[in-house]
Amino acid sequence: MENKYVQNANLFKALSDPNRLMILEMLSDGELCACKILDALDITQPTLSHHMKILCDCGLVNATREGKWMHYSIEAENIQKLKMLLNDIIEGCSCKGVCLCK
C-alpha cells in the first residue's frame, strides 16, 4: 500500500498538466463521452487516453464503457479529499513541527 505522501504526489502530478486541468473543468459540469472531450481539445485520441489513464489511476476521474466509447465523470469523494488536503496545507494543523498525525 502506498503511503499518503506518494498518493498525494500522484494527485499533484495529475493536476500538473494543462490538458488534464481542462478535462477536469469540463467534467465538473457532469459526465462526458470521450468524443466530446476530444472535440473540445486539440489532441489525438491516444493522447486523450493517456491523460484519462492518469486521471483515473489517481482516483480523480471514473471511467465507464458504453459501446465503443468511454464515458468519464468526476470522482467527487476524492475531489473532496483533495480539497481537504489543500486546506490542511494552507491552514496547517495543531501539531508543532513536523506533522505526522494523519
C-alpha atoms as a PDB file:
ATOM      1  CA  MET A   1       0.000   0.000   0.000  1.00  0.00           C
ATOM      2  CA  GLU A   2       1.329   3.411  -0.982  1.00  0.00           C
ATOM      3  CA  ASN A   3       1.808   5.891   1.784  1.00  0.00           C
ATOM      4  CA  LYS A   4      -0.183   9.111   1.820  1.00  0.00           C
ATOM      5  CA  TYR A   5       2.722  11.213   0.527  1.00  0.00           C
ATOM      6  CA  VAL A   6       3.106   9.065  -2.592  1.00  0.00           C
ATOM      7  CA  GLN A   7      -0.663   9.158  -3.175  1.00  0.00           C
ATOM      8  CA  ASN A   8      -0.762  12.935  -2.716  1.00  0.00           C
ATOM      9  CA  ALA A   9       2.224  13.423  -5.030  1.00  0.00           C
ATOM     10  CA  ASN A  10       0.395  11.403  -7.703  1.00  0.00           C
ATOM     11  CA  LEU A  11      -2.617  13.703  -7.351  1.00  0.00           C
ATOM     12  CA  PHE A  12      -0.458  16.777  -7.861  1.00  0.00           C
ATOM     13  CA  LYS A  13       1.313  15.155 -10.821  1.00  0.00           C
ATOM     14  CA  ALA A  14      -2.078  14.500 -12.395  1.00  0.00           C
ATOM     15  CA  LEU A  15      -3.015  18.148 -11.910  1.00  0.00           C
ATOM     16  CA  SER A  16       0.272  19.432 -13.364  1.00  0.00           C
ATOM     17  CA  ASP A  17      -0.839  19.278 -17.000  1.00  0.00           C
ATOM     18  CA  PRO A  18      -2.983  21.999 -18.646  1.00  0.00           C
ATOM     19  CA  ASN A  19      -4.961  19.462 -20.696  1.00  0.00           C
ATOM     20  CA  ARG A  20      -5.840  17.448 -17.588  1.00  0.00           C
ATOM     21  CA  LEU A  21      -6.940  20.614 -15.799  1.00  0.00           C
ATOM     22  CA  MET A  22      -9.172  21.467 -18.779  1.00  0.00           C
ATOM     23  CA  ILE A  23     -10.600  17.942 -18.743  1.00  0.00           C
ATOM     24  CA  LEU A  24     -11.414  18.208 -15.025  1.00  0.00           C
ATOM     25  CA  GLU A  25     -13.085  21.561 -15.606  1.00  0.00           C
ATOM     26  CA  MET A  26     -15.164  20.062 -18.415  1.00  0.00           C
ATOM     27  CA  LEU A  27     -16.170  17.115 -16.216  1.00  0.00           C
ATOM     28  CA  SER A  28     -17.209  19.449 -13.407  1.00  0.00           C
ATOM     29  CA  ASP A  29     -20.416  20.034 -15.404  1.00  0.00           C
ATOM     30  CA  GLY A  30     -21.169  16.296 -15.497  1.00  0.00           C
ATOM     31  CA  GLU A  31     -20.285  13.059 -17.263  1.00  0.00           C
ATOM     32  CA  LEU A  32     -18.848  13.330 -20.760  1.00  0.00           C
ATOM     33  CA  CYS A  33     -18.129  10.937 -23.572  1.00  0.00           C
ATOM     34  CA  ALA A  34     -14.515  10.803 -24.724  1.00  0.00           C
ATOM     35  CA  CYS A  35     -15.678  12.042 -28.125  1.00  0.00           C
ATOM     36  CA  LYS A  36     -16.942  15.293 -26.560  1.00  0.00           C
ATOM     37  CA  ILE A  37     -13.647  15.821 -24.748  1.00  0.00           C
ATOM     38  CA  LEU A  38     -11.744  15.183 -27.992  1.00  0.00           C
ATOM     39  CA  ASP A  39     -13.904  17.720 -29.817  1.00  0.00           C
ATOM     40  CA  ALA A  40     -13.060  20.385 -27.248  1.00  0.00           C
ATOM     41  CA  LEU A  41      -9.304  19.755 -27.040  1.00  0.00           C
ATOM     42  CA  ASP A  42      -6.702  19.886 -29.787  1.00  0.00           C
ATOM     43  CA  ILE A  43      -5.245  16.437 -29.014  1.00  0.00           C
ATOM     44  CA  THR A  44      -5.333  12.969 -30.555  1.00  0.00           C
ATOM     45  CA  GLN A  45      -7.310  10.020 -29.195  1.00  0.00           C
ATOM     46  CA  PRO A  46      -4.164   8.247 -27.895  1.00  0.00           C
ATOM     47  CA  THR A  47      -3.135  11.429 -26.079  1.00  0.00           C
ATOM     48  CA  LEU A  48      -6.587  11.692 -24.520  1.00  0.00           C
ATOM     49  CA  SER A  49      -6.348   8.050 -23.412  1.00  0.00           C
ATOM     50  CA  HIS A  50      -3.011   8.799 -21.757  1.00  0.00           C
ATOM     51  CA  HIS A  51      -4.437  11.788 -19.871  1.00  0.00           C
ATOM     52  CA  MET A  52      -7.541   9.880 -18.817  1.00  0.00           C
ATOM     53  CA  LYS A  53      -5.462   6.952 -17.552  1.00  0.00           C
ATOM     54  CA  ILE A  54      -3.505   9.313 -15.311  1.00  0.00           C
ATOM     55  CA  LEU A  55      -6.688  10.965 -14.001  1.00  0.00           C
ATOM     56  CA  CYS A  56      -8.371   7.603 -13.409  1.00  0.00           C
ATOM     57  CA  ASP A  57      -5.315   5.954 -11.828  1.00  0.00           C
ATOM     58  CA  CYS A  58      -5.001   8.681  -9.208  1.00  0.00           C
ATOM     59  CA  GLY A  59      -8.737   8.456  -8.454  1.00  0.00           C
ATOM     60  CA  LEU A  60      -9.903  11.883  -9.628  1.00  0.00           C
ATOM     61  CA  VAL A  61     -11.996  10.515 -12.519  1.00  0.00           C
ATOM     62  CA  ASN A  62     -14.231   7.475 -13.065  1.00  0.00           C
ATOM     63  CA  ALA A  63     -14.473   5.697 -16.421  1.00  0.00           C
ATOM     64  CA  THR A  64     -17.280   3.549 -17.791  1.00  0.00           C
ATOM     65  CA  ARG A  65     -17.533   1.942 -21.202  1.00  0.00           C
ATOM     66  CA  GLU A  66     -20.708   2.330 -23.239  1.00  0.00           C
ATOM     67  CA  GLY A  67     -20.379   0.539 -26.543  1.00  0.00           C
ATOM     68  CA  LYS A  68     -17.200   1.712 -28.242  1.00  0.00           C
ATOM     69  CA  TRP A  69     -16.959   4.922 -26.210  1.00  0.00           C
ATOM     70  CA  MET A  70     -15.653   5.657 -22.773  1.00  0.00           C
ATOM     71  CA  HIS A  71     -17.603   7.993 -20.519  1.00  0.00           C
ATOM     72  CA  TYR A  72     -15.853   9.929 -17.799  1.00  0.00           C
ATOM     73  CA  SER A  73     -17.035  11.606 -14.621  1.00  0.00           C
ATOM     74  CA  ILE A  74     -15.520  13.286 -11.588  1.00  0.00           C
ATOM     75  CA  GLU A  75     -14.925  11.112  -8.517  1.00  0.00           C
ATOM     76  CA  ALA A  76     -16.498  13.540  -6.041  1.00  0.00           C
ATOM     77  CA  GLU A  77     -15.264  11.794  -2.896  1.00  0.00           C
ATOM     78  CA  ASN A  78     -11.623  12.001  -3.961  1.00  0.00           C
ATOM     79  CA  ILE A  79     -12.025  15.598  -5.123  1.00  0.00           C
ATOM     80  CA  GLN A  80     -13.300  16.365  -1.617  1.00  0.00           C
ATOM     81  CA  LYS A  81     -10.245  14.634  -0.125  1.00  0.00           C
ATOM     82  CA  LEU A  82      -8.023  16.743  -2.379  1.00  0.00           C
ATOM     83  CA  LYS A  83      -9.774  19.886  -1.158  1.00  0.00           C
ATOM     84  CA  MET A  84      -9.192  18.796   2.440  1.00  0.00           C
ATOM     85  CA  LEU A  85      -5.512  18.130   1.704  1.00  0.00           C
ATOM     86  CA  LEU A  86      -5.087  21.605   0.238  1.00  0.00           C
ATOM     87  CA  ASN A  87      -6.894  23.116   3.192  1.00  0.00           C
ATOM     88  CA  ASP A  88      -4.586  21.264   5.599  1.00  0.00           C
ATOM     89  CA  ILE A  89      -1.563  22.563   3.698  1.00  0.00           C
ATOM     90  CA  ILE A  90      -2.852  26.139   3.747  1.00  0.00           C
ATOM     91  CA  GLU A  91      -4.298  26.206   7.237  1.00  0.00           C
ATOM     92  CA  GLY A  92      -1.881  23.807   8.900  1.00  0.00           C
ATOM     93  CA  CYS A  93      -2.760  21.514  11.743  1.00  0.00           C
ATOM     94  CA  SER A  94      -2.447  21.730  15.506  1.00  0.00           C
ATOM     95  CA  CYS A  95       0.841  19.809  15.584  1.00  0.00           C
ATOM     96  CA  LYS A  96       4.084  21.622  16.297  1.00  0.00           C
ATOM     97  CA  GLY A  97       6.994  20.975  13.977  1.00  0.00           C
ATOM     98  CA  VAL A  98       6.829  18.078  11.552  1.00  0.00           C
ATOM     99  CA  CYS A  99       3.269  16.819  11.189  1.00  0.00           C
ATOM    100  CA  LEU A 100       2.865  13.059  11.123  1.00  0.00           C
ATOM    101  CA  CYS A 101      -0.532  12.931  12.802  1.00  0.00           C
ATOM    102  CA  LYS A 102      -2.607  11.990   9.757  1.00  0.00           C
END
